Amino acid sequence: MRIRLGLLMVVVACALLVVKGQQQARTAFIALQQAQQQQRQLEEEWGRLQLEQSTWGMHARVGQLAVDQLGMQMPTAAQEHVLFDKSVGTQP
């Protein structure tokens, strides 16, 4: 009888350890899924930031090349001429 009781206690303890292990595995899996989702979001944001950086870089580079290599400069107010198309309608 004592042996049976001892074996029953060992089986119950093992069952409780299995349940605890499964719960820990579920918790770790949920944390893994959340980390993977955050990684995907960060990768998307990184892609957007790289695109934005390249867009800003192109405009600045083109402007700098126009000044350095072509000797261009922004016109002054006296050099600006505004033309209106009379067939379109009224002037702004």
PDB file of N, CA and C in Angstrom:
ATOM      1  N   MET A   1       0.815  -1.206   0.000  1.00  0.00           N
ATOM      2  CA  MET A   1       0.000   0.000   0.000  1.00  0.00           C
ATOM      3  C   MET A   1       0.862   1.275   0.000  1.00  0.00           C
ATOM      4  N   ARG A   2       1.920   1.239   0.770  1.00  0.00           N
ATOM      5  CA  ARG A   2       2.806   2.410   0.842  1.00  0.00           C
ATOM      6  C   ARG A   2       3.477   2.674  -0.499  1.00  0.00           C
ATOM      7  N   ILE A   3       3.813   1.615  -1.194  1.00  0.00           N
ATOM      8  CA  ILE A   3       4.472   1.758  -2.480  1.00  0.00           C
ATOM      9  C   ILE A   3       3.512   2.384  -3.481  1.00  0.00           C
ATOM     10  N   ARG A   4       2.278   1.944  -3.461  1.00  0.00           N
ATOM     11  CA  ARG A   4       1.272   2.509  -4.369  1.00  0.00           C
ATOM     12  C   ARG A   4       1.048   3.991  -4.086  1.00  0.00           C
ATOM     13  N   LEU A   5       0.966   4.323  -2.826  1.00  0.00           N
ATOM     14  CA  LEU A   5       0.775   5.729  -2.451  1.00  0.00           C
ATOM     15  C   LEU A   5       1.975   6.567  -2.891  1.00  0.00           C
ATOM     16  N   GLY A   6       3.162   6.021  -2.706  1.00  0.00           N
ATOM     17  CA  GLY A   6       4.375   6.725  -3.131  1.00  0.00           C
ATOM     18  C   GLY A   6       4.407   6.908  -4.647  1.00  0.00           C
ATOM     19  N   LEU A   7       4.052   5.866  -5.392  1.00  0.00           N
ATOM     20  CA  LEU A   7       4.010   5.961  -6.849  1.00  0.00           C
ATOM     21  C   LEU A   7       2.948   6.952  -7.313  1.00  0.00           C
ATOM     22  N   LEU A   8       1.800   6.947  -6.631  1.00  0.00           N
ATOM     23  CA  LEU A   8       0.736   7.908  -6.976  1.00  0.00           C
ATOM     24  C   LEU A   8       1.225   9.345  -6.781  1.00  0.00           C
ATOM     25  N   MET A   9       1.948   9.586  -5.707  1.00  0.00           N
ATOM     26  CA  MET A   9       2.473  10.936  -5.457  1.00  0.00           C
ATOM     27  C   MET A   9       3.502  11.326  -6.525  1.00  0.00           C
ATOM     28  N   VAL A  10       4.327  10.369  -6.942  1.00  0.00           N
ATOM     29  CA  VAL A  10       5.312  10.639  -7.979  1.00  0.00           C
ATOM     30  C   VAL A  10       4.608  10.954  -9.295  1.00  0.00           C
ATOM     31  N   VAL A  11       3.559  10.201  -9.633  1.00  0.00           N
ATOM     32  CA  VAL A  11       2.813  10.437 -10.874  1.00  0.00           C
ATOM     33  C   VAL A  11       2.144  11.806 -10.834  1.00  0.00           C
ATOM     34  N   VAL A  12       1.535  12.163  -9.710  1.00  0.00           N
ATOM     35  CA  VAL A  12       0.876  13.470  -9.582  1.00  0.00           C
ATOM     36  C   VAL A  12       1.918  14.590  -9.704  1.00  0.00           C
ATOM     37  N   ALA A  13       3.057  14.411  -9.073  1.00  0.00           N
ATOM     38  CA  ALA A  13       4.110  15.434  -9.160  1.00  0.00           C
ATOM     39  C   ALA A  13       4.600  15.579 -10.603  1.00  0.00           C
ATOM     40  N   CYS A  14       4.787  14.469 -11.288  1.00  0.00           N
ATOM     41  CA  CYS A  14       5.211  14.530 -12.695  1.00  0.00           C
ATOM     42  C   CYS A  14       4.159  15.221 -13.554  1.00  0.00           C
ATOM     43  N   ALA A  15       2.882  14.909 -13.308  1.00  0.00           N
ATOM     44  CA  ALA A  15       1.809  15.544 -14.070  1.00  0.00           C
ATOM     45  C   ALA A  15       1.807  17.055 -13.843  1.00  0.00           C
ATOM     46  N   LEU A  16       2.001  17.476 -12.600  1.00  0.00           N
ATOM     47  CA  LEU A  16       2.035  18.916 -12.310  1.00  0.00           C
ATOM     48  C   LEU A  16       3.232  19.583 -12.990  1.00  0.00           C
ATOM     49  N   LEU A  17       4.378  18.884 -13.028  1.00  0.00           N
ATOM     50  CA  LEU A  17       5.544  19.436 -13.704  1.00  0.00           C
ATOM     51  C   LEU A  17       5.318  19.540 -15.212  1.00  0.00           C
ATOM     52  N   VAL A  18       4.603  18.574 -15.789  1.00  0.00           N
ATOM     53  CA  VAL A  18       4.292  18.636 -17.217  1.00  0.00           C
ATOM     54  C   VAL A  18       3.393  19.828 -17.504  1.00  0.00           C
ATOM     55  N   VAL A  19       2.382  20.026 -16.670  1.00  0.00           N
ATOM     56  CA  VAL A  19       1.469  21.159 -16.857  1.00  0.00           C
ATOM     57  C   VAL A  19       2.221  22.474 -16.728  1.00  0.00           C
ATOM     58  N   LYS A  20       3.100  22.563 -15.746  1.00  0.00           N
ATOM     59  CA  LYS A  20       3.889  23.783 -15.563  1.00  0.00           C
ATOM     60  C   LYS A  20       4.793  24.026 -16.769  1.00  0.00           C
ATOM     61  N   GLY A  21       5.410  22.990 -17.293  1.00  0.00           N
ATOM     62  CA  GLY A  21       6.270  23.118 -18.465  1.00  0.00           C
ATOM     63  C   GLY A  21       5.490  23.566 -19.690  1.00  0.00           C
ATOM     64  N   GLN A  22       4.302  23.034 -19.872  1.00  0.00           N
ATOM     65  CA  GLN A  22       3.467  23.450 -21.005  1.00  0.00           C
ATOM     66  C   GLN A  22       3.073  24.916 -20.886  1.00  0.00           C
ATOM     67  N   GLN A  23       2.745  25.350 -19.692  1.00  0.00           N
ATOM     68  CA  GLN A  23       2.379  26.759 -19.489  1.00  0.00           C
ATOM     69  C   GLN A  23       3.556  27.668 -19.789  1.00  0.00           C
ATOM     70  N   GLN A  24       4.740  27.274 -19.356  1.00  0.00           N
ATOM     71  CA  GLN A  24       5.938  28.071 -19.642  1.00  0.00           C
ATOM     72  C   GLN A  24       6.214  28.108 -21.142  1.00  0.00           C
ATOM     73  N   ALA A  25       5.990  26.989 -21.822  1.00  0.00           N
ATOM     74  CA  ALA A  25       6.198  26.956 -23.270  1.00  0.00           C
ATOM     75  C   ALA A  25       5.205  27.866 -23.974  1.00  0.00           C
ATOM     76  N   ARG A  26       3.946  27.868 -23.532  1.00  0.00           N
ATOM     77  CA  ARG A  26       2.935  28.769 -24.126  1.00  0.00           C
ATOM     78  C   ARG A  26       3.322  30.224 -23.919  1.00  0.00           C
ATOM     79  N   THR A  27       3.743  30.549 -22.719  1.00  0.00           N
ATOM     80  CA  THR A  27       4.138  31.920 -22.404  1.00  0.00           C
ATOM     81  C   THR A  27       5.329  32.351 -23.272  1.00  0.00           C
ATOM     82  N   ALA A  28       6.302  31.463 -23.426  1.00  0.00           N
ATOM     83  CA  ALA A  28       7.468  31.782 -24.255  1.00  0.00           C
ATOM     84  C   ALA A  28       7.070  31.933 -25.719  1.00  0.00           C
ATOM     85  N   PHE A  29       6.140  31.111 -26.190  1.00  0.00           N
ATOM     86  CA  PHE A  29       5.698  31.191 -27.581  1.00  0.00           C
ATOM     87  C   PHE A  29       4.965  32.498 -27.842  1.00  0.00           C
ATOM     88  N   ILE A  30       4.139  32.931 -26.907  1.00  0.00           N
ATOM     89  CA  ILE A  30       3.429  34.207 -27.048  1.00  0.00           C
ATOM     90  C   ILE A  30       4.431  35.354 -27.087  1.00  0.00           C
ATOM     91  N   ALA A  31       5.435  35.305 -26.227  1.00  0.00           N
ATOM     92  CA  ALA A  31       6.468  36.350 -26.227  1.00  0.00           C
ATOM     93  C   ALA A  31       7.231  36.348 -27.548  1.00  0.00           C
ATOM     94  N   LEU A  32       7.499  35.166 -28.090  1.00  0.00           N
ATOM     95  CA  LEU A  32       8.185  35.062 -29.376  1.00  0.00           C
ATOM     96  C   LEU A  32       7.351  35.682 -30.494  1.00  0.00           C
ATOM     97  N   GLN A  33       6.062  35.390 -30.523  1.00  0.00           N
ATOM     98  CA  GLN A  33       5.188  35.957 -31.548  1.00  0.00           C
ATOM     99  C   GLN A  33       5.141  37.479 -31.454  1.00  0.00           C
ATOM    100  N   GLN A  34       5.063  38.012 -30.243  1.00  0.00           N
ATOM    101  CA  GLN A  34       5.040  39.461 -30.070  1.00  0.00           C
ATOM    102  C   GLN A  34       6.359  40.088 -30.532  1.00  0.00           C
ATOM    103  N   ALA A  35       7.462  39.441 -30.234  1.00  0.00           N
ATOM    104  CA  ALA A  35       8.765  39.960 -30.665  1.00  0.00           C
ATOM    105  C   ALA A  35       8.886  39.917 -32.185  1.00  0.00           C
ATOM    106  N   GLN A  36       8.369  38.872 -32.809  1.00  0.00           N
ATOM    107  CA  GLN A  36       8.418  38.782 -34.268  1.00  0.00           C
ATOM    108  C   GLN A  36       7.549  39.854 -34.911  1.00  0.00           C
ATOM    109  N   GLN A  37       6.386  40.124 -34.318  1.00  0.00           N
ATOM    110  CA  GLN A  37       5.519  41.181 -34.849  1.00  0.00           C
ATOM    111  C   GLN A  37       6.208  42.537 -34.717  1.00  0.00           C
ATOM    112  N   GLN A  38       6.836  42.777 -33.586  1.00  0.00           N
ATOM    113  CA  GLN A  38       7.552  44.036 -33.401  1.00  0.00           C
ATOM    114  C   GLN A  38       8.708  44.146 -34.394  1.00  0.00           C
ATOM    115  N   GLN A  39       9.386  43.028 -34.666  1.00  0.00           N
ATOM    116  CA  GLN A  39      10.467  43.035 -35.641  1.00  0.00           C
ATOM    117  C   GLN A  39       9.950  43.413 -37.022  1.00  0.00           C
ATOM    118  N   ARG A  40       8.809  42.858 -37.426  1.00  0.00           N
ATOM    119  CA  ARG A  40       8.242  43.198 -38.732  1.00  0.00           C
ATOM    120  C   ARG A  40       7.887  44.678 -38.805  1.00  0.00           C
ATOM    121  N   GLN A  41       7.307  45.213 -37.733  1.00  0.00           N
ATOM    122  CA  GLN A  41       6.956  46.631 -37.717  1.00  0.00           C
ATOM    123  C   GLN A  41       8.202  47.503 -37.817  1.00  0.00           C
ATOM    124  N   LEU A  42       9.251  47.129 -37.100  1.00  0.00           N
ATOM    125  CA  LEU A  42      10.495  47.907 -37.147  1.00  0.00           C
ATOM    126  C   LEU A  42      11.154  47.822 -38.520  1.00  0.00           C
ATOM    127  N   GLU A  43      11.063  46.659 -39.164  1.00  0.00           N
ATOM    128  CA  GLU A  43      11.620  46.529 -40.512  1.00  0.00           C
ATOM    129  C   GLU A  43      10.850  47.403 -41.504  1.00  0.00           C
ATOM    130  N   GLU A  44       9.523  47.473 -41.361  1.00  0.00           N
ATOM    131  CA  GLU A  44       8.730  48.343 -42.228  1.00  0.00           C
ATOM    132  C   GLU A  44       9.098  49.805 -42.011  1.00  0.00           C
ATOM    133  N   GLU A  45       9.224  50.190 -40.750  1.00  0.00           N
ATOM    134  CA  GLU A  45       9.592  51.576 -40.450  1.00  0.00           C
ATOM    135  C   GLU A  45      10.991  51.889 -40.980  1.00  0.00           C
ATOM    136  N   TRP A  46      11.918  50.939 -40.865  1.00  0.00           N
ATOM    137  CA  TRP A  46      13.277  51.125 -41.372  1.00  0.00           C
ATOM    138  C   TRP A  46      13.244  51.336 -42.882  1.00  0.00           C
ATOM    139  N   GLY A  47      12.429  50.566 -43.587  1.00  0.00           N
ATOM    140  CA  GLY A  47      12.311  50.743 -45.030  1.00  0.00           C
ATOM    141  C   GLY A  47      11.771  52.112 -45.396  1.00  0.00           C
ATOM    142  N   ARG A  48      10.747  52.556 -44.660  1.00  0.00           N
ATOM    143  CA  ARG A  48      10.200  53.898 -44.920  1.00  0.00           C
ATOM    144  C   ARG A  48      11.246  54.980 -44.656  1.00  0.00           C
ATOM    145  N   LEU A  49      12.001  54.830 -43.586  1.00  0.00           N
ATOM    146  CA  LEU A  49      13.026  55.819 -43.261  1.00  0.00           C
ATOM    147  C   LEU A  49      14.141  55.835 -44.309  1.00  0.00           C
ATOM    148  N   GLN A  50      14.516  54.666 -44.816  1.00  0.00           N
ATOM    149  CA  GLN A  50      15.535  54.630 -45.864  1.00  0.00           C
ATOM    150  C   GLN A  50      15.036  55.306 -47.130  1.00  0.00           C
ATOM    151  N   LEU A  51      13.776  55.069 -47.481  1.00  0.00           N
ATOM    152  CA  LEU A  51      13.202  55.715 -48.655  1.00  0.00           C
ATOM    153  C   LEU A  51      13.161  57.226 -48.475  1.00  0.00           C
ATOM    154  N   GLU A  52      12.743  57.663 -47.296  1.00  0.00           N
ATOM    155  CA  GLU A  52      12.695  59.102 -47.026  1.00  0.00           C
ATOM    156  C   GLU A  52      14.091  59.720 -47.098  1.00  0.00           C
ATOM    157  N   GLN A  53      15.069  59.022 -46.538  1.00  0.00           N
ATOM    158  CA  GLN A  53      16.441  59.537 -46.565  1.00  0.00           C
ATOM    159  C   GLN A  53      16.953  59.637 -47.999  1.00  0.00           C
ATOM    160  N   SER A  54      16.670  58.634 -48.805  1.00  0.00           N
ATOM    161  CA  SER A  54      17.142  58.692 -50.190  1.00  0.00           C
ATOM    162  C   SER A  54      16.438  59.797 -50.968  1.00  0.00           C
ATOM    163  N   THR A  55      15.168  60.031 -50.673  1.00  0.00           N
ATOM    164  CA  THR A  55      14.426  61.105 -51.340  1.00  0.00           C
ATOM    165  C   THR A  55      15.014  62.459 -50.984  1.00  0.00           C
ATOM    166  N   TRP A  56      15.235  62.682 -49.697  1.00  0.00           N
ATOM    167  CA  TRP A  56      15.819  63.956 -49.278  1.00  0.00           C
ATOM    168  C   TRP A  56      17.232  64.101 -49.822  1.00  0.00           C
ATOM    169  N   GLY A  57      17.966  63.026 -49.854  1.00  0.00           N
ATOM    170  CA  GLY A  57      19.341  63.082 -50.341  1.00  0.00           C
ATOM    171  C   GLY A  57      19.415  63.433 -51.811  1.00  0.00           C
ATOM    172  N   MET A  58      18.474  62.949 -52.599  1.00  0.00           N
ATOM    173  CA  MET A  58      18.513  63.234 -54.027  1.00  0.00           C
ATOM    174  C   MET A  58      18.313  64.721 -54.293  1.00  0.00           C
ATOM    175  N   HIS A  59      17.352  65.346 -53.646  1.00  0.00           N
ATOM    176  CA  HIS A  59      17.087  66.764 -53.879  1.00  0.00           C
ATOM    177  C   HIS A  59      18.279  67.619 -53.466  1.00  0.00           C
ATOM    178  N   ALA A  60      18.829  67.324 -52.320  1.00  0.00           N
ATOM    179  CA  ALA A  60      19.970  68.106 -51.845  1.00  0.00           C
ATOM    180  C   ALA A  60      21.179  67.901 -52.750  1.00  0.00           C
ATOM    181  N   ARG A  61      21.393  66.681 -53.209  1.00  0.00           N
ATOM    182  CA  ARG A  61      22.539  66.391 -54.062  1.00  0.00           C
ATOM    183  C   ARG A  61      22.384  67.078 -55.417  1.00  0.00           C
ATOM    184  N   VAL A  62      21.201  67.036 -55.981  1.00  0.00           N
ATOM    185  CA  VAL A  62      20.972  67.686 -57.269  1.00  0.00           C
ATOM    186  C   VAL A  62      21.202  69.190 -57.143  1.00  0.00           C
ATOM    187  N   GLY A  63      20.685  69.772 -56.080  1.00  0.00           N
ATOM    188  CA  GLY A  63      20.893  71.207 -55.873  1.00  0.00           C
ATOM    189  C   GLY A  63      22.355  71.562 -55.709  1.00  0.00           C
ATOM    190  N   GLN A  64      23.075  70.738 -54.965  1.00  0.00           N
ATOM    191  CA  GLN A  64      24.495  71.006 -54.747  1.00  0.00           C
ATOM    192  C   GLN A  64      25.283  70.840 -56.044  1.00  0.00           C
ATOM    193  N   LEU A  65      24.961  69.826 -56.830  1.00  0.00           N
ATOM    194  CA  LEU A  65      25.642  69.638 -58.118  1.00  0.00           C
ATOM    195  C   LEU A  65      25.349  70.803 -59.064  1.00  0.00           C
ATOM    196  N   ALA A  66      24.127  71.321 -59.033  1.00  0.00           N
ATOM    197  CA  ALA A  66      23.781  72.462 -59.888  1.00  0.00           C
ATOM    198  C   ALA A  66      24.617  73.682 -59.525  1.00  0.00           C
ATOM    199  N   VAL A  67      24.826  73.892 -58.257  1.00  0.00           N
ATOM    200  CA  VAL A  67      25.629  75.037 -57.811  1.00  0.00           C
ATOM    201  C   VAL A  67      27.105  74.800 -58.107  1.00  0.00           C
ATOM    202  N   ASP A  68      27.618  73.633 -57.735  1.00  0.00           N
ATOM    203  CA  ASP A  68      29.061  73.369 -57.850  1.00  0.00           C
ATOM    204  C   ASP A  68      29.516  73.178 -59.291  1.00  0.00           C
ATOM    205  N   GLN A  69      28.851  72.313 -60.031  1.00  0.00           N
ATOM    206  CA  GLN A  69      29.346  71.945 -61.351  1.00  0.00           C
ATOM    207  C   GLN A  69      28.826  72.851 -62.463  1.00  0.00           C
ATOM    208  N   LEU A  70      27.602  73.350 -62.326  1.00  0.00           N
ATOM    209  CA  LEU A  70      27.019  74.152 -63.396  1.00  0.00           C
ATOM    210  C   LEU A  70      27.046  75.642 -63.100  1.00  0.00           C
ATOM    211  N   GLY A  71      27.413  76.003 -61.873  1.00  0.00           N
ATOM    212  CA  GLY A  71      27.470  77.413 -61.512  1.00  0.00           C
ATOM    213  C   GLY A  71      26.096  78.059 -61.432  1.00  0.00           C
ATOM    214  N   MET A  72      25.077  77.285 -61.194  1.00  0.00           N
ATOM    215  CA  MET A  72      23.716  77.843 -61.127  1.00  0.00           C
ATOM    216  C   MET A  72      23.493  78.487 -59.767  1.00  0.00           C
ATOM    217  N   GLN A  73      22.537  79.393 -59.715  1.00  0.00           N
ATOM    218  CA  GLN A  73      22.161  80.028 -58.461  1.00  0.00           C
ATOM    219  C   GLN A  73      20.697  80.421 -58.531  1.00  0.00           C
ATOM    220  N   MET A  74      20.124  80.644 -57.380  1.00  0.00           N
ATOM    221  CA  MET A  74      18.710  81.027 -57.328  1.00  0.00           C
ATOM    222  C   MET A  74      18.562  82.437 -57.897  1.00  0.00           C
ATOM    223  N   PRO A  75      17.533  82.677 -58.701  1.00  0.00           N
ATOM    224  CA  PRO A  75      17.340  84.017 -59.266  1.00  0.00           C
ATOM    225  C   PRO A  75      16.884  84.994 -58.184  1.00  0.00           C
ATOM    226  N   THR A  76      17.244  86.248 -58.373  1.00  0.00           N
ATOM    227  CA  THR A  76      16.776  87.291 -57.467  1.00  0.00           C
ATOM    228  C   THR A  76      15.369  87.689 -57.883  1.00  0.00           C
ATOM    229  N   ALA A  77      14.717  88.487 -57.071  1.00  0.00           N
ATOM    230  CA  ALA A  77      13.356  88.936 -57.381  1.00  0.00           C
ATOM    231  C   ALA A  77      13.339  89.751 -58.667  1.00  0.00           C
ATOM    232  N   ALA A  78      14.378  90.510 -58.923  1.00  0.00           N
ATOM    233  CA  ALA A  78      14.443  91.326 -60.135  1.00  0.00           C
ATOM    234  C   ALA A  78      14.595  90.456 -61.390  1.00  0.00           C
ATOM    235  N   GLN A  79      15.146  89.278 -61.235  1.00  0.00           N
ATOM    236  CA  GLN A  79      15.354  88.391 -62.378  1.00  0.00           C
ATOM    237  C   GLN A  79      14.139  87.515 -62.677  1.00  0.00           C
ATOM    238  N   GLU A  80      13.195  87.464 -61.775  1.00  0.00           N
ATOM    239  CA  GLU A  80      12.021  86.613 -61.960  1.00  0.00           C
ATOM    240  C   GLU A  80      11.006  87.287 -62.862  1.00  0.00           C
ATOM    241  N   HIS A  81      10.423  86.535 -63.766  1.00  0.00           N
ATOM    242  CA  HIS A  81       9.368  87.020 -64.653  1.00  0.00           C
ATOM    243  C   HIS A  81       8.213  86.029 -64.590  1.00  0.00           C
ATOM    244  N   VAL A  82       7.028  86.542 -64.292  1.00  0.00           N
ATOM    245  CA  VAL A  82       5.852  85.685 -64.205  1.00  0.00           C
ATOM    246  C   VAL A  82       5.012  85.906 -65.455  1.00  0.00           C
ATOM    247  N   LEU A  83       4.650  84.834 -66.112  1.00  0.00           N
ATOM    248  CA  LEU A  83       3.855  84.899 -67.329  1.00  0.00           C
ATOM    249  C   LEU A  83       2.469  84.339 -67.047  1.00  0.00           C
ATOM    250  N   PHE A  84       1.465  84.998 -67.593  1.00  0.00           N
ATOM    251  CA  PHE A  84       0.091  84.545 -67.415  1.00  0.00           C
ATOM    252  C   PHE A  84      -0.484  84.149 -68.762  1.00  0.00           C
ATOM    253  N   ASP A  85      -1.267  83.110 -68.767  1.00  0.00           N
ATOM    254  CA  ASP A  85      -1.928  82.643 -69.978  1.00  0.00           C
ATOM    255  C   ASP A  85      -3.331  83.259 -69.995  1.00  0.00           C
ATOM    256  N   LYS A  86      -3.570  84.145 -70.920  1.00  0.00           N
ATOM    257  CA  LYS A  86      -4.860  84.870 -70.960  1.00  0.00           C
ATOM    258  C   LYS A  86      -6.006  83.940 -71.327  1.00  0.00           C
ATOM    259  N   SER A  87      -5.724  82.819 -71.980  1.00  0.00           N
ATOM    260  CA  SER A  87      -6.802  81.921 -72.372  1.00  0.00           C
ATOM    261  C   SER A  87      -7.316  81.085 -71.184  1.00  0.00           C
ATOM    262  N   VAL A  88      -6.581  81.028 -70.106  1.00  0.00           N
ATOM    263  CA  VAL A  88      -6.984  80.239 -68.948  1.00  0.00           C
ATOM    264  C   VAL A  88      -8.047  80.960 -68.143  1.00  0.00           C
ATOM    265  N   GLY A  89      -7.985  82.237 -68.023  1.00  0.00           N
ATOM    266  CA  GLY A  89      -8.974  82.979 -67.244  1.00  0.00           C
ATOM    267  C   GLY A  89      -8.333  84.144 -66.535  1.00  0.00           C
ATOM    268  N   THR A  90      -8.819  84.395 -65.348  1.00  0.00           N
ATOM    269  CA  THR A  90      -8.321  85.536 -64.603  1.00  0.00           C
ATOM    270  C   THR A  90      -6.973  85.256 -63.999  1.00  0.00           C
ATOM    271  N   GLN A  91      -6.267  86.332 -63.715  1.00  0.00           N
ATOM    272  CA  GLN A  91      -4.962  86.232 -63.100  1.00  0.00           C
ATOM    273  C   GLN A  91      -5.142  86.051 -61.598  1.00  0.00           C
ATOM    274  N   PRO A  92      -4.223  85.352 -60.956  1.00  0.00           N
ATOM    275  CA  PRO A  92      -4.325  85.151 -59.495  1.00  0.00           C
ATOM    276  C   PRO A  92      -4.084  86.414 -58.717  1.00  0.00           C
TER     277      PRO A  92
END
